[in-house]
Amino acid sequence: MGLSNDKVSATSHELLQAQAHVWNHIFQFINSMSLKCAVQLGIPDVIHSHGQPISLSNLISGLNVHPSKAHFIERLMRILVHSNFFAQDQQVQLPLLPNNNNNENIVHQDLDDGEEEKAVVVYSLTPASRLLLKEGPLSTTQFLLMILDPVVTDPFHLMGTWCQMNNHGNHDHPASPFEMAHGRPFWGLAAQQPKFGSLFNEAMEADSQLLARAVVEECEGVFEGLNSLVDVGGGTGTMAKAIAKAFPNINCTVFDQPHVVANLQGTHNLDFVGGDMFEKIPPANAIFLKWILHDWSDEESVKILKKSREAILSKNEGGKVIILDINMSADNKKMDKKSIETQLMFDMLMMVDLNGKERSEAEWEKLFLTAGFSHYKITHTFGLRSLIEVYF
C-alpha cells in the first residue's frame, strides 16, 4: 500500500535516521535520571575513595546495593561512560592460585603454558564526575538533585495544557505551569516547604562555590574602588563571602528573604539583612545580582533594576549594578552546540517554573534603558553566563 502523500522527498534511510533522532530526543530524560541514580548511590564517591581505577565487583562491594543488581550497575555504568561521566579501561589481572600455607589466594607471577592473563574492565572519574563528589569543594550534587526533584520536573508535564489557557487579564489562571502543578508560585512553595527550600538554597550555594572562585580571580577590576556592595538574593552568602574575603576593603551585605538569612552569622565586613527587593534594597556603591533577573518577567526585572538604581549611593563613586546571568547572544559563533542547547534549556526552565526568561543582549539593553540606566558593558564570560556592568 502506497503512502498518501502527494510527494515523498525523504528516502527510507533518511526517515529511519529521522526516527532515530526523534527517539534520541524522547529518551533524553534517561540520561538525567541515570546520572541522578549514580549520585544517589554514591558511585563517584566510591570510585574516588578507591584511589585507583575500580573493577565492577569492587564498585558493587562499595555500594549499598544487593548483589543481584550487579548486572544493573554494569548497564548503568555503560550509559554514563558513553556520556563521559566516567572513563572505562581494561586492566590486566594475573590469575590467583591458592596458597596452601594459609588458604589465601596469591598472585601467580609466572604463567604456565596455556594460562592467560585476564582483562578486567575498570572505571575511573572524569572532570565531570569529580564535580559530583558529595564532599567535594565544588560539588554540584545538590544542584542536580534540586533540578531533577519532582517539584521542578512535574510542571513540565503540564506545558501543553498551560499553553492552551487564556491567561491574559485573568488573574485566576496560573501564571506558569509550576503554579498549575503546585497551586502556588515557586518562591511561595520554597518558603512553605522547608525540605525543598533547603535543597534549593544548597543548590545555589553549590553553584556559587564554583563561580565565586572564578569571579574573584578574574574580576579584580570590577570590584576596584568599591567601598560597599549588596548581594541581592544572595542566599546563604557564598558569593558575598568570597568577595568579602578577596576584597577586605569592601563591606558586603547579603540581602534575601528574612527566612533565608535568619540566624546566619556575618564577619567584620559581611552582614545579612532580610527584606523584599521589590520594596527596598539596602544602599551601597554596587548592587550585585547573580542569577536573579532571569527568574522574573521583564516588568518585574525592571522593578528590581529601578530599586537597585535607587539603592546606589553615588554614580560618581563607582556606582553600578553588577549582573551575572546568561546572555543568549554571547559568542554564539564561538560556543559549541551543547552549550547553546543548555542555555535554551535554562530558558525553558525559567518559563515553566518561574515565569522568567533568559535574554539576548538586545533584551538586556532594553531592560537597562527602561530602568533608567544609560550604558553597560559585558566584561567577562564564565561558562554559560556573562558578567554585565550597568551604569547611570
Protein backbone atom coordinates (compact mmCIF):
# COMPACT_ATOMS: atom_id res chain seq x y z
CA MET A 1 0.00 0.00 0.00
CA GLY A 2 1.47 3.35 -1.02
CA LEU A 3 1.81 6.49 1.07
CA SER A 4 -0.98 9.01 0.73
CA ASN A 5 1.37 12.00 0.45
CA ASP A 6 1.41 13.64 -2.95
CA LYS A 7 5.16 13.82 -2.83
CA VAL A 8 7.62 11.95 -0.64
CA SER A 9 11.06 13.60 -0.74
CA ALA A 10 12.78 11.60 2.01
CA THR A 11 14.25 8.20 1.35
CA SER A 12 13.63 5.28 3.68
CA HIS A 13 17.14 5.66 5.05
CA GLU A 14 16.55 9.36 5.79
CA LEU A 15 13.26 8.59 7.52
CA LEU A 16 14.93 5.97 9.71
CA GLN A 17 17.64 8.47 10.58
CA ALA A 18 14.92 10.97 11.44
CA GLN A 19 13.22 8.37 13.61
CA ALA A 20 16.50 7.74 15.46
CA HIS A 21 16.80 11.50 16.07
CA VAL A 22 13.25 11.65 17.46
CA TRP A 23 13.89 8.62 19.67
CA ASN A 24 17.11 10.13 21.00
CA HIS A 25 15.22 13.28 21.97
CA ILE A 26 12.41 11.27 23.59
CA PHE A 27 14.83 9.30 25.74
CA GLN A 28 16.99 12.23 26.91
CA PHE A 29 15.35 12.09 30.34
CA ILE A 30 17.01 8.68 30.85
CA ASN A 31 20.43 10.35 30.79
CA SER A 32 19.37 12.73 33.55
CA MET A 33 17.79 10.04 35.70
CA SER A 34 20.74 7.68 35.23
CA LEU A 35 23.05 10.40 36.48
CA LYS A 36 20.74 11.10 39.42
CA CYS A 37 20.79 7.39 40.30
CA ALA A 38 24.61 7.35 40.23
CA VAL A 39 24.72 10.33 42.60
CA GLN A 40 22.12 8.84 44.96
CA LEU A 41 24.07 5.57 45.09
CA GLY A 42 27.33 7.44 45.66
CA ILE A 43 29.14 5.90 42.69
CA PRO A 44 31.52 8.87 42.16
CA ASP A 45 32.44 8.82 45.86
CA VAL A 46 33.17 5.07 45.91
CA ILE A 47 35.44 5.37 42.87
CA HIS A 48 37.20 8.37 44.41
CA SER A 49 37.69 6.60 47.75
CA HIS A 50 39.17 3.56 46.00
CA GLY A 51 42.12 5.70 44.94
CA GLN A 52 42.63 3.97 41.61
CA PRO A 53 40.55 2.61 38.72
CA ILE A 54 37.96 0.26 40.19
CA SER A 55 36.54 -3.00 38.89
CA LEU A 56 32.81 -3.64 38.75
CA SER A 57 32.97 -6.18 41.58
CA ASN A 58 34.84 -3.76 43.85
CA LEU A 59 32.47 -0.96 42.91
CA ILE A 60 29.43 -3.05 43.82
CA SER A 61 31.09 -4.08 47.10
CA GLY A 62 31.42 -0.40 48.00
CA LEU A 63 27.81 0.44 47.15
CA ASN A 64 24.74 -0.20 49.24
CA VAL A 65 23.12 -2.38 46.57
CA HIS A 66 22.07 -6.01 46.55
CA PRO A 67 24.48 -8.36 44.69
CA SER A 68 21.59 -9.39 42.45
CA LYS A 69 21.69 -5.85 40.99
CA ALA A 70 25.24 -6.28 39.68
CA HIS A 71 24.04 -6.51 36.10
CA PHE A 72 22.06 -3.29 36.57
CA ILE A 73 25.11 -1.36 37.85
CA GLU A 74 27.13 -2.60 34.88
CA ARG A 75 24.49 -1.31 32.45
CA LEU A 76 24.15 1.96 34.38
CA MET A 77 27.89 2.49 34.12
CA ARG A 78 27.80 1.73 30.41
CA ILE A 79 25.47 4.64 29.61
CA LEU A 80 27.33 7.00 31.94
CA VAL A 81 30.66 6.07 30.35
CA HIS A 82 29.10 6.85 26.98
CA SER A 83 28.06 10.26 28.36
CA ASN A 84 31.65 10.90 29.57
CA PHE A 85 30.79 10.94 33.25
CA PHE A 86 33.12 8.01 33.86
CA ALA A 87 36.09 6.62 31.96
CA GLN A 88 36.39 2.92 31.20
CA ASP A 89 39.56 0.95 30.61
CA GLN A 90 40.82 -2.60 30.81
CA GLN A 91 43.27 -3.74 33.44
CA VAL A 92 45.15 -6.99 33.26
CA GLN A 93 44.81 -9.25 36.29
CA LEU A 94 47.10 -12.21 36.84
CA PRO A 95 45.35 -15.45 37.86
CA LEU A 96 45.00 -16.19 41.57
CA LEU A 97 46.32 -19.50 42.88
CA PRO A 98 45.67 -20.97 46.32
CA ASN A 99 48.34 -20.53 48.97
CA ASN A 100 48.45 -23.86 50.79
CA ASN A 101 50.10 -22.35 53.84
CA ASN A 102 47.28 -20.01 54.87
CA ASN A 103 44.43 -20.91 52.49
CA GLU A 104 44.59 -17.45 50.89
CA ASN A 105 44.88 -16.68 47.20
CA ILE A 106 48.14 -15.31 45.89
CA VAL A 107 49.02 -13.89 42.51
CA HIS A 108 50.95 -16.39 40.38
CA GLN A 109 53.77 -14.37 38.87
CA ASP A 110 54.94 -16.95 36.29
CA LEU A 111 52.23 -18.15 33.95
CA ASP A 112 52.32 -21.80 32.91
CA ASP A 113 51.71 -22.78 29.30
CA GLY A 114 48.09 -22.35 28.37
CA GLU A 115 47.30 -19.87 31.14
CA GLU A 116 46.13 -16.44 30.04
CA GLU A 117 46.07 -13.08 31.70
CA LYS A 118 42.55 -11.87 32.43
CA ALA A 119 41.49 -8.38 31.35
CA VAL A 120 39.02 -6.75 33.72
CA VAL A 121 37.00 -3.61 32.99
CA VAL A 122 37.81 -0.78 35.41
CA TYR A 123 36.21 2.62 35.90
CA SER A 124 37.66 5.99 36.86
CA LEU A 125 36.41 9.55 37.32
CA THR A 126 36.33 12.25 34.66
CA PRO A 127 36.33 16.04 35.28
CA ALA A 128 32.52 15.93 35.10
CA SER A 129 32.10 13.23 37.75
CA ARG A 130 34.61 14.97 40.02
CA LEU A 131 32.01 17.73 40.26
CA LEU A 132 29.59 15.09 41.59
CA LEU A 133 31.60 14.13 44.67
CA LYS A 134 29.29 14.80 47.62
CA GLU A 135 32.04 16.19 49.82
CA GLY A 136 33.94 17.88 47.01
CA PRO A 137 34.65 21.60 47.47
CA LEU A 138 32.98 22.36 44.12
CA SER A 139 30.26 19.71 44.24
CA THR A 140 27.18 20.19 42.03
CA THR A 141 25.26 17.24 43.51
CA GLN A 142 22.72 19.44 45.30
CA PHE A 143 22.06 21.39 42.12
CA LEU A 144 21.47 18.13 40.25
CA LEU A 145 19.12 16.80 42.94
CA MET A 146 17.19 20.07 43.04
CA ILE A 147 16.69 20.36 39.27
CA LEU A 148 15.64 16.71 39.00
CA ASP A 149 13.33 16.85 42.02
CA PRO A 150 9.67 16.14 41.11
CA VAL A 151 8.79 19.61 42.40
CA VAL A 152 10.76 21.01 39.46
CA THR A 153 10.11 18.34 36.83
CA ASP A 154 6.37 17.68 37.33
CA PRO A 155 5.26 21.06 35.87
CA PHE A 156 6.82 20.16 32.52
CA HIS A 157 4.07 17.58 32.02
CA LEU A 158 1.57 20.47 32.01
CA MET A 159 3.27 22.71 29.44
CA GLY A 160 0.83 21.89 26.65
CA THR A 161 -2.29 22.33 28.80
CA TRP A 162 -0.99 25.61 30.22
CA CYS A 163 -0.20 26.96 26.74
CA GLN A 164 -3.83 26.40 25.73
CA MET A 165 -5.12 28.53 28.62
CA ASN A 166 -6.04 32.19 28.18
CA ASN A 167 -4.16 33.93 30.97
CA HIS A 168 -4.49 37.45 29.58
CA GLY A 169 -6.25 39.61 32.13
CA ASN A 170 -7.38 36.60 34.14
CA HIS A 171 -5.62 36.51 37.49
CA ASP A 172 -7.40 33.31 38.48
CA HIS A 173 -5.41 31.30 35.94
CA PRO A 174 -1.95 30.06 36.94
CA ALA A 175 0.88 32.30 35.77
CA SER A 176 3.10 29.30 34.98
CA PRO A 177 2.93 25.51 34.64
CA PHE A 178 4.59 25.41 38.08
CA GLU A 179 1.66 27.25 39.63
CA MET A 180 -0.69 24.97 37.73
CA ALA A 181 1.02 21.89 39.20
CA HIS A 182 1.54 23.11 42.77
CA GLY A 183 -1.12 25.78 43.29
CA ARG A 184 1.40 28.49 44.20
CA PRO A 185 4.49 30.21 42.76
CA PHE A 186 7.96 28.71 43.05
CA TRP A 187 9.09 31.11 45.77
CA GLY A 188 5.96 30.54 47.82
CA LEU A 189 6.47 26.79 47.75
CA ALA A 190 10.17 27.10 48.61
CA ALA A 191 9.27 29.22 51.64
CA GLN A 192 6.49 26.90 52.82
CA GLN A 193 8.23 23.56 52.22
CA PRO A 194 11.45 23.68 54.29
CA LYS A 195 12.84 20.48 52.76
CA PHE A 196 12.67 21.78 49.20
CA GLY A 197 13.62 25.29 50.30
CA SER A 198 16.79 23.94 51.92
CA LEU A 199 17.58 21.88 48.82
CA PHE A 200 17.22 24.99 46.65
CA ASN A 201 19.50 27.06 48.91
CA GLU A 202 22.09 24.28 48.96
CA ALA A 203 21.94 24.07 45.16
CA MET A 204 22.52 27.82 44.81
CA GLU A 205 25.32 27.65 47.37
CA ALA A 206 27.00 24.85 45.41
CA ASP A 207 26.75 26.83 42.18
CA SER A 208 28.23 29.91 43.84
CA GLN A 209 31.19 27.91 45.21
CA LEU A 210 32.40 27.17 41.69
CA LEU A 211 31.51 30.54 40.20
CA ALA A 212 32.85 32.63 43.09
CA ARG A 213 36.38 31.34 42.68
CA ALA A 214 36.43 32.34 39.02
CA VAL A 215 34.88 35.74 39.71
CA VAL A 216 37.34 36.85 42.40
CA GLU A 217 40.30 35.53 40.38
CA GLU A 218 39.38 37.22 37.11
CA CYS A 219 37.35 40.30 38.05
CA GLU A 220 39.59 42.40 40.26
CA GLY A 221 38.90 45.44 38.10
CA VAL A 222 35.14 45.03 38.52
CA PHE A 223 35.39 45.46 42.31
CA GLU A 224 38.24 48.00 42.32
CA GLY A 225 37.34 51.25 44.07
CA LEU A 226 34.15 49.92 45.70
CA ASN A 227 33.54 50.51 49.41
CA SER A 228 30.25 48.64 49.74
CA LEU A 229 28.26 46.00 47.87
CA VAL A 230 24.83 44.40 48.34
CA ASP A 231 24.36 40.86 47.03
CA VAL A 232 20.62 40.83 46.27
CA GLY A 233 19.10 37.38 46.60
CA GLY A 234 22.46 36.21 47.88
CA GLY A 235 21.06 33.23 49.79
CA THR A 236 23.41 31.90 52.44
CA GLY A 237 26.18 34.26 51.31
CA THR A 238 28.62 32.02 49.45
CA MET A 239 29.35 34.57 46.71
CA ALA A 240 29.45 37.56 49.08
CA LYS A 241 31.80 35.70 51.45
CA ALA A 242 34.24 35.11 48.60
CA ILE A 243 34.10 38.77 47.56
CA ALA A 244 34.47 39.99 51.16
CA LYS A 245 37.48 37.75 51.69
CA ALA A 246 39.19 38.67 48.41
CA PHE A 247 38.48 42.40 48.79
CA PRO A 248 38.56 43.20 52.54
CA ASN A 249 38.04 46.91 51.87
CA ILE A 250 34.50 46.21 50.61
CA ASN A 251 31.68 45.98 53.13
CA CYS A 252 29.36 43.30 51.79
CA THR A 253 25.69 42.81 52.63
CA VAL A 254 23.72 39.68 51.75
CA PHE A 255 20.12 40.71 51.14
CA ASP A 256 17.48 37.99 50.90
CA GLN A 257 14.11 36.95 52.30
CA PRO A 258 14.04 37.02 56.12
CA HIS A 259 13.58 33.25 56.48
CA VAL A 260 16.65 32.64 54.28
CA VAL A 261 19.10 34.85 56.19
CA ALA A 262 17.72 34.28 59.70
CA ASN A 263 20.44 33.20 62.17
CA LEU A 264 23.26 33.49 59.63
CA GLN A 265 26.46 34.93 61.09
CA GLY A 266 28.43 37.70 59.42
CA THR A 267 32.02 38.92 59.77
CA HIS A 268 33.72 42.29 60.17
CA ASN A 269 32.93 43.20 56.55
CA LEU A 270 29.93 40.96 55.86
CA ASP A 271 26.40 41.10 57.24
CA PHE A 272 22.99 39.61 56.45
CA VAL A 273 19.81 41.63 56.01
CA GLY A 274 16.29 40.35 55.40
CA GLY A 275 13.78 42.16 53.24
CA ASP A 276 11.95 42.41 49.92
CA MET A 277 13.87 43.55 46.82
CA PHE A 278 10.64 44.82 45.27
CA GLU A 279 10.20 47.22 48.21
CA LYS A 280 13.68 48.50 49.07
CA ILE A 281 17.29 47.39 48.67
CA PRO A 282 19.93 48.47 51.22
CA PRO A 283 22.21 51.28 49.95
CA ALA A 284 25.69 50.54 48.57
CA ASN A 285 28.19 51.56 45.90
CA ALA A 286 27.35 48.46 43.89
CA ILE A 287 24.36 46.15 43.66
CA PHE A 288 25.18 42.54 42.77
CA LEU A 289 22.59 40.38 41.00
CA LYS A 290 23.76 36.82 40.42
CA TRP A 291 21.20 34.68 38.60
CA ILE A 292 18.34 36.89 39.83
CA LEU A 293 16.78 38.65 36.85
CA HIS A 294 16.32 35.51 34.79
CA ASP A 295 13.84 34.35 37.44
CA TRP A 296 11.49 37.21 36.64
CA SER A 297 9.44 38.69 33.79
CA ASP A 298 10.60 41.86 32.01
CA GLU A 299 8.20 44.00 34.05
CA GLU A 300 9.38 42.55 37.36
CA SER A 301 13.04 42.75 36.30
CA VAL A 302 12.64 46.46 35.51
CA LYS A 303 11.23 46.96 39.02
CA ILE A 304 14.26 45.19 40.55
CA LEU A 305 16.64 47.28 38.45
CA LYS A 306 14.88 50.50 39.44
CA LYS A 307 15.14 49.55 43.12
CA SER A 308 18.81 48.74 42.53
CA ARG A 309 19.31 52.16 40.94
CA GLU A 310 17.68 53.87 43.92
CA ALA A 311 19.99 51.95 46.29
CA ILE A 312 23.23 53.04 44.61
CA LEU A 313 24.83 55.68 46.84
CA SER A 314 26.61 57.70 44.18
CA LYS A 315 27.16 57.31 40.46
CA ASN A 316 30.45 59.17 40.88
CA GLU A 317 31.95 56.64 43.29
CA GLY A 318 31.91 53.56 41.12
CA GLY A 319 28.15 53.25 41.41
CA LYS A 320 26.83 50.42 39.25
CA VAL A 321 24.83 47.22 39.07
CA ILE A 322 26.84 44.03 38.54
CA ILE A 323 24.87 41.24 36.87
CA LEU A 324 25.89 37.60 36.46
CA ASP A 325 23.42 35.92 34.15
CA ILE A 326 23.03 34.17 30.82
CA ASN A 327 23.42 36.33 27.72
CA MET A 328 21.81 34.31 24.93
CA SER A 329 23.71 36.13 22.24
CA ALA A 330 27.08 35.85 23.93
CA ASP A 331 29.66 34.50 21.46
CA ASN A 332 27.15 32.14 19.84
CA LYS A 333 29.57 31.55 16.98
CA LYS A 334 32.26 30.53 19.44
CA MET A 335 30.01 28.42 21.68
CA ASP A 336 29.61 24.73 20.99
CA LYS A 337 26.20 23.30 20.16
CA LYS A 338 25.78 21.67 23.58
CA SER A 339 26.42 24.95 25.43
CA ILE A 340 23.87 26.78 23.30
CA GLU A 341 21.38 23.96 23.88
CA THR A 342 21.96 24.21 27.64
CA GLN A 343 21.21 27.95 27.55
CA LEU A 344 17.98 27.19 25.68
CA MET A 345 17.08 24.56 28.28
CA PHE A 346 17.60 27.11 31.04
CA ASP A 347 15.20 29.41 29.21
CA MET A 348 12.55 26.68 29.17
CA LEU A 349 13.16 26.03 32.88
CA MET A 350 12.60 29.72 33.64
CA MET A 351 9.41 29.78 31.57
CA VAL A 352 7.90 26.66 33.13
CA ASP A 353 8.89 27.00 36.78
CA LEU A 354 9.39 30.72 37.38
CA ASN A 355 7.67 32.73 34.66
CA GLY A 356 11.10 34.20 33.89
CA LYS A 357 13.36 34.06 30.83
CA GLU A 358 16.92 34.03 29.55
CA ARG A 359 17.72 37.12 27.49
CA SER A 360 19.68 38.19 24.45
CA GLU A 361 21.94 41.24 24.59
CA ALA A 362 19.26 43.33 22.87
CA GLU A 363 16.73 42.29 25.52
CA TRP A 364 19.19 43.13 28.31
CA GLU A 365 19.82 46.55 26.81
CA LYS A 366 16.08 47.28 26.63
CA LEU A 367 15.70 46.39 30.32
CA PHE A 368 18.58 48.67 31.33
CA LEU A 369 17.29 51.66 29.36
CA THR A 370 13.73 51.18 30.64
CA ALA A 371 15.02 51.11 34.22
CA GLY A 372 16.83 54.44 33.74
CA PHE A 373 20.40 53.34 33.10
CA SER A 374 22.42 54.86 30.27
CA HIS A 375 25.05 52.28 29.33
CA TYR A 376 26.52 48.89 30.12
CA LYS A 377 29.45 46.65 29.24
CA ILE A 378 29.92 42.89 29.17
CA THR A 379 33.36 42.30 30.61
CA HIS A 380 33.71 38.58 31.34
CA THR A 381 32.20 35.25 30.39
CA PHE A 382 32.01 32.35 32.84
CA GLY A 383 30.85 29.20 31.10
CA LEU A 384 27.23 29.82 30.11
CA ARG A 385 26.98 33.14 31.99
CA SER A 386 28.28 36.64 31.42
CA LEU A 387 29.22 39.44 33.79
CA ILE A 388 27.50 42.71 32.88
CA GLU A 389 28.26 46.08 34.48
CA VAL A 390 25.39 48.58 34.25
CA TYR A 391 25.85 52.33 34.80
CA PHE A 392 23.81 55.50 35.19
